[in-house]
Amino acid sequence: MIEYLADQIRIKQLEFYFKLHDFDDFSHALKEATSPYQLRKTVLNMDYPDRLAEHDELAENPENYEIFDHEKN
């Protein structure tokens, strides 16, 4: 039965309505999933991008940081 449903989705005869949320936004996704009159399913994306990857790269190379100098008044 799952194979039949997957085939129907592939040939666009069956649509799957869902909202995709990143796992780090779990509390918001749970709030939306449990609210009444939802027509779409809530799906959590477990492979969300590492939003701190850019920061981690900068931390590995401190020379990449800009130094801000300011004058004291």
N, C-alpha and C. Protein backbone atom coordinates (compact mmCIF):
# COMPACT_ATOMS: atom_id res chain seq x y z
N MET A 1 0.82 -1.18 0.00
CA MET A 1 0.00 0.00 0.00
C MET A 1 0.88 1.26 0.00
N ILE A 2 1.97 1.26 0.76
CA ILE A 2 2.86 2.42 0.81
C ILE A 2 3.47 2.67 -0.56
N GLU A 3 3.85 1.60 -1.24
CA GLU A 3 4.42 1.74 -2.58
C GLU A 3 3.40 2.34 -3.54
N TYR A 4 2.14 1.91 -3.44
CA TYR A 4 1.09 2.45 -4.29
C TYR A 4 0.90 3.95 -4.02
N LEU A 5 0.87 4.33 -2.74
CA LEU A 5 0.71 5.74 -2.40
C LEU A 5 1.90 6.57 -2.89
N ALA A 6 3.10 6.03 -2.75
CA ALA A 6 4.29 6.74 -3.23
C ALA A 6 4.23 6.92 -4.74
N ASP A 7 3.78 5.92 -5.46
CA ASP A 7 3.63 6.04 -6.91
C ASP A 7 2.61 7.10 -7.28
N GLN A 8 1.51 7.17 -6.55
CA GLN A 8 0.49 8.18 -6.81
C GLN A 8 1.03 9.59 -6.57
N ILE A 9 1.87 9.74 -5.58
CA ILE A 9 2.48 11.05 -5.31
C ILE A 9 3.45 11.40 -6.44
N ARG A 10 4.24 10.42 -6.90
CA ARG A 10 5.21 10.68 -7.97
C ARG A 10 4.54 11.13 -9.26
N ILE A 11 3.41 10.53 -9.61
CA ILE A 11 2.73 10.89 -10.85
C ILE A 11 1.73 12.03 -10.64
N LYS A 12 1.79 12.62 -9.45
CA LYS A 12 1.01 13.81 -9.10
C LYS A 12 -0.50 13.59 -9.14
N GLN A 13 -0.91 12.38 -8.78
CA GLN A 13 -2.34 12.11 -8.63
C GLN A 13 -2.78 12.17 -7.17
N LEU A 14 -1.81 12.27 -6.29
CA LEU A 14 -2.08 12.39 -4.86
C LEU A 14 -1.15 13.45 -4.31
N GLU A 15 -1.72 14.42 -3.62
CA GLU A 15 -0.91 15.49 -3.06
C GLU A 15 -0.80 15.33 -1.56
N PHE A 16 0.33 15.68 -1.06
CA PHE A 16 0.61 15.59 0.37
C PHE A 16 0.81 17.00 0.88
N TYR A 17 -0.11 17.49 1.68
CA TYR A 17 -0.02 18.84 2.21
C TYR A 17 0.71 18.81 3.56
N PHE A 18 1.80 19.56 3.63
CA PHE A 18 2.56 19.58 4.87
C PHE A 18 3.26 20.92 5.03
N LYS A 19 3.64 21.17 6.26
CA LYS A 19 4.48 22.33 6.61
C LYS A 19 5.80 21.77 7.10
N LEU A 20 6.88 22.25 6.55
CA LEU A 20 8.20 21.78 6.92
C LEU A 20 8.84 22.77 7.89
N HIS A 21 9.27 22.26 9.04
CA HIS A 21 9.92 23.08 10.05
C HIS A 21 11.26 22.46 10.39
N ASP A 22 12.25 23.30 10.66
CA ASP A 22 13.54 22.80 11.13
C ASP A 22 13.38 22.28 12.56
N PHE A 23 14.18 21.29 12.90
CA PHE A 23 14.08 20.69 14.23
C PHE A 23 14.39 21.69 15.33
N ASP A 24 15.24 22.67 15.05
CA ASP A 24 15.56 23.66 16.08
C ASP A 24 14.39 24.60 16.35
N ASP A 25 13.34 24.53 15.53
CA ASP A 25 12.14 25.32 15.72
C ASP A 25 11.01 24.42 16.25
N PHE A 26 11.38 23.45 17.07
CA PHE A 26 10.45 22.42 17.52
C PHE A 26 9.25 22.99 18.26
N SER A 27 9.47 23.93 19.15
CA SER A 27 8.36 24.45 19.97
C SER A 27 7.31 25.15 19.10
N HIS A 28 7.76 25.90 18.10
CA HIS A 28 6.81 26.54 17.19
C HIS A 28 6.07 25.49 16.35
N ALA A 29 6.79 24.49 15.87
CA ALA A 29 6.16 23.42 15.07
C ALA A 29 5.13 22.67 15.89
N LEU A 30 5.44 22.39 17.15
CA LEU A 30 4.49 21.69 18.02
C LEU A 30 3.25 22.53 18.26
N LYS A 31 3.44 23.83 18.45
CA LYS A 31 2.31 24.74 18.66
C LYS A 31 1.39 24.74 17.44
N GLU A 32 1.98 24.80 16.25
CA GLU A 32 1.17 24.78 15.03
C GLU A 32 0.49 23.42 14.81
N ALA A 33 1.19 22.35 15.13
CA ALA A 33 0.64 21.01 14.92
C ALA A 33 -0.54 20.72 15.83
N THR A 34 -0.53 21.30 17.02
CA THR A 34 -1.60 21.02 17.98
C THR A 34 -2.71 22.05 17.95
N SER A 35 -2.60 23.06 17.10
CA SER A 35 -3.68 24.04 17.00
C SER A 35 -4.85 23.43 16.22
N PRO A 36 -6.06 23.85 16.52
CA PRO A 36 -7.23 23.24 15.88
C PRO A 36 -7.36 23.63 14.40
N TYR A 37 -8.08 22.80 13.67
CA TYR A 37 -8.43 23.03 12.26
C TYR A 37 -7.21 23.12 11.35
N GLN A 38 -6.26 22.24 11.53
CA GLN A 38 -5.08 22.20 10.67
C GLN A 38 -5.37 21.28 9.48
N LEU A 39 -5.15 21.78 8.28
CA LEU A 39 -5.34 20.98 7.07
C LEU A 39 -4.04 20.35 6.61
N ARG A 40 -2.92 20.84 7.12
CA ARG A 40 -1.61 20.33 6.72
C ARG A 40 -0.94 19.62 7.89
N LYS A 41 -0.15 18.63 7.56
CA LYS A 41 0.63 17.93 8.57
C LYS A 41 1.91 18.72 8.83
N THR A 42 2.43 18.60 10.02
CA THR A 42 3.69 19.24 10.38
C THR A 42 4.80 18.21 10.30
N VAL A 43 5.85 18.53 9.53
CA VAL A 43 6.98 17.63 9.34
C VAL A 43 8.23 18.34 9.85
N LEU A 44 9.01 17.64 10.66
CA LEU A 44 10.25 18.21 11.18
C LEU A 44 11.41 17.78 10.30
N ASN A 45 12.21 18.74 9.88
CA ASN A 45 13.39 18.47 9.08
C ASN A 45 14.56 18.21 10.02
N MET A 46 15.01 16.96 10.07
CA MET A 46 16.09 16.60 10.98
C MET A 46 17.46 16.96 10.40
N ASP A 47 17.55 17.24 9.11
CA ASP A 47 18.81 17.58 8.46
C ASP A 47 18.90 19.09 8.22
N TYR A 48 18.53 19.86 9.22
CA TYR A 48 18.54 21.31 9.05
C TYR A 48 19.98 21.79 8.93
N PRO A 49 20.18 22.91 8.24
CA PRO A 49 21.56 23.42 8.09
C PRO A 49 22.10 23.93 9.41
N ASP A 50 23.39 23.82 9.56
CA ASP A 50 24.05 24.32 10.75
C ASP A 50 24.15 25.83 10.63
N ARG A 51 23.31 26.53 11.34
CA ARG A 51 23.28 27.98 11.22
C ARG A 51 24.47 28.65 11.87
N LEU A 52 25.22 27.89 12.64
CA LEU A 52 26.40 28.46 13.28
C LEU A 52 27.67 28.06 12.56
N ALA A 53 27.56 27.44 11.39
CA ALA A 53 28.75 26.98 10.65
C ALA A 53 29.65 28.16 10.31
N GLU A 54 29.07 29.27 9.89
CA GLU A 54 29.87 30.45 9.55
C GLU A 54 30.62 30.95 10.78
N HIS A 55 29.95 30.96 11.91
CA HIS A 55 30.60 31.39 13.14
C HIS A 55 31.72 30.43 13.53
N ASP A 56 31.49 29.12 13.37
CA ASP A 56 32.51 28.14 13.71
C ASP A 56 33.75 28.31 12.84
N GLU A 57 33.55 28.63 11.56
CA GLU A 57 34.69 28.84 10.67
C GLU A 57 35.50 30.06 11.11
N LEU A 58 34.82 31.11 11.54
CA LEU A 58 35.52 32.29 12.01
C LEU A 58 36.29 32.00 13.29
N ALA A 59 35.72 31.18 14.16
CA ALA A 59 36.38 30.86 15.42
C ALA A 59 37.67 30.07 15.18
N GLU A 60 37.69 29.27 14.12
CA GLU A 60 38.89 28.49 13.81
C GLU A 60 40.03 29.38 13.32
N ASN A 61 39.69 30.49 12.66
CA ASN A 61 40.68 31.42 12.12
C ASN A 61 40.43 32.81 12.70
N PRO A 62 41.02 33.12 13.83
CA PRO A 62 40.76 34.41 14.47
C PRO A 62 41.17 35.61 13.61
N GLU A 63 42.07 35.41 12.65
CA GLU A 63 42.46 36.54 11.80
C GLU A 63 41.33 36.98 10.88
N ASN A 64 40.28 36.18 10.77
CA ASN A 64 39.14 36.55 9.93
C ASN A 64 38.21 37.56 10.61
N TYR A 65 38.37 37.70 11.93
CA TYR A 65 37.53 38.66 12.64
C TYR A 65 37.99 40.08 12.35
N GLU A 66 37.03 40.96 12.21
CA GLU A 66 37.36 42.37 12.05
C GLU A 66 37.53 42.98 13.43
N ILE A 67 38.49 43.85 13.57
CA ILE A 67 38.72 44.52 14.84
C ILE A 67 38.12 45.91 14.74
N PHE A 68 37.23 46.20 15.66
CA PHE A 68 36.58 47.50 15.67
C PHE A 68 37.23 48.38 16.72
N ASP A 69 37.77 49.47 16.28
CA ASP A 69 38.36 50.43 17.21
C ASP A 69 37.43 51.63 17.28
N HIS A 70 37.25 52.11 18.46
CA HIS A 70 36.44 53.30 18.61
C HIS A 70 37.12 54.24 19.60
N GLU A 71 36.83 55.48 19.42
CA GLU A 71 37.42 56.49 20.30
C GLU A 71 36.51 56.72 21.48
N LYS A 72 37.13 56.83 22.64
CA LYS A 72 36.36 57.12 23.84
C LYS A 72 36.17 58.63 23.93
N ASN A 73 34.97 59.04 24.23
CA ASN A 73 34.68 60.48 24.36
C ASN A 73 34.87 60.95 25.77
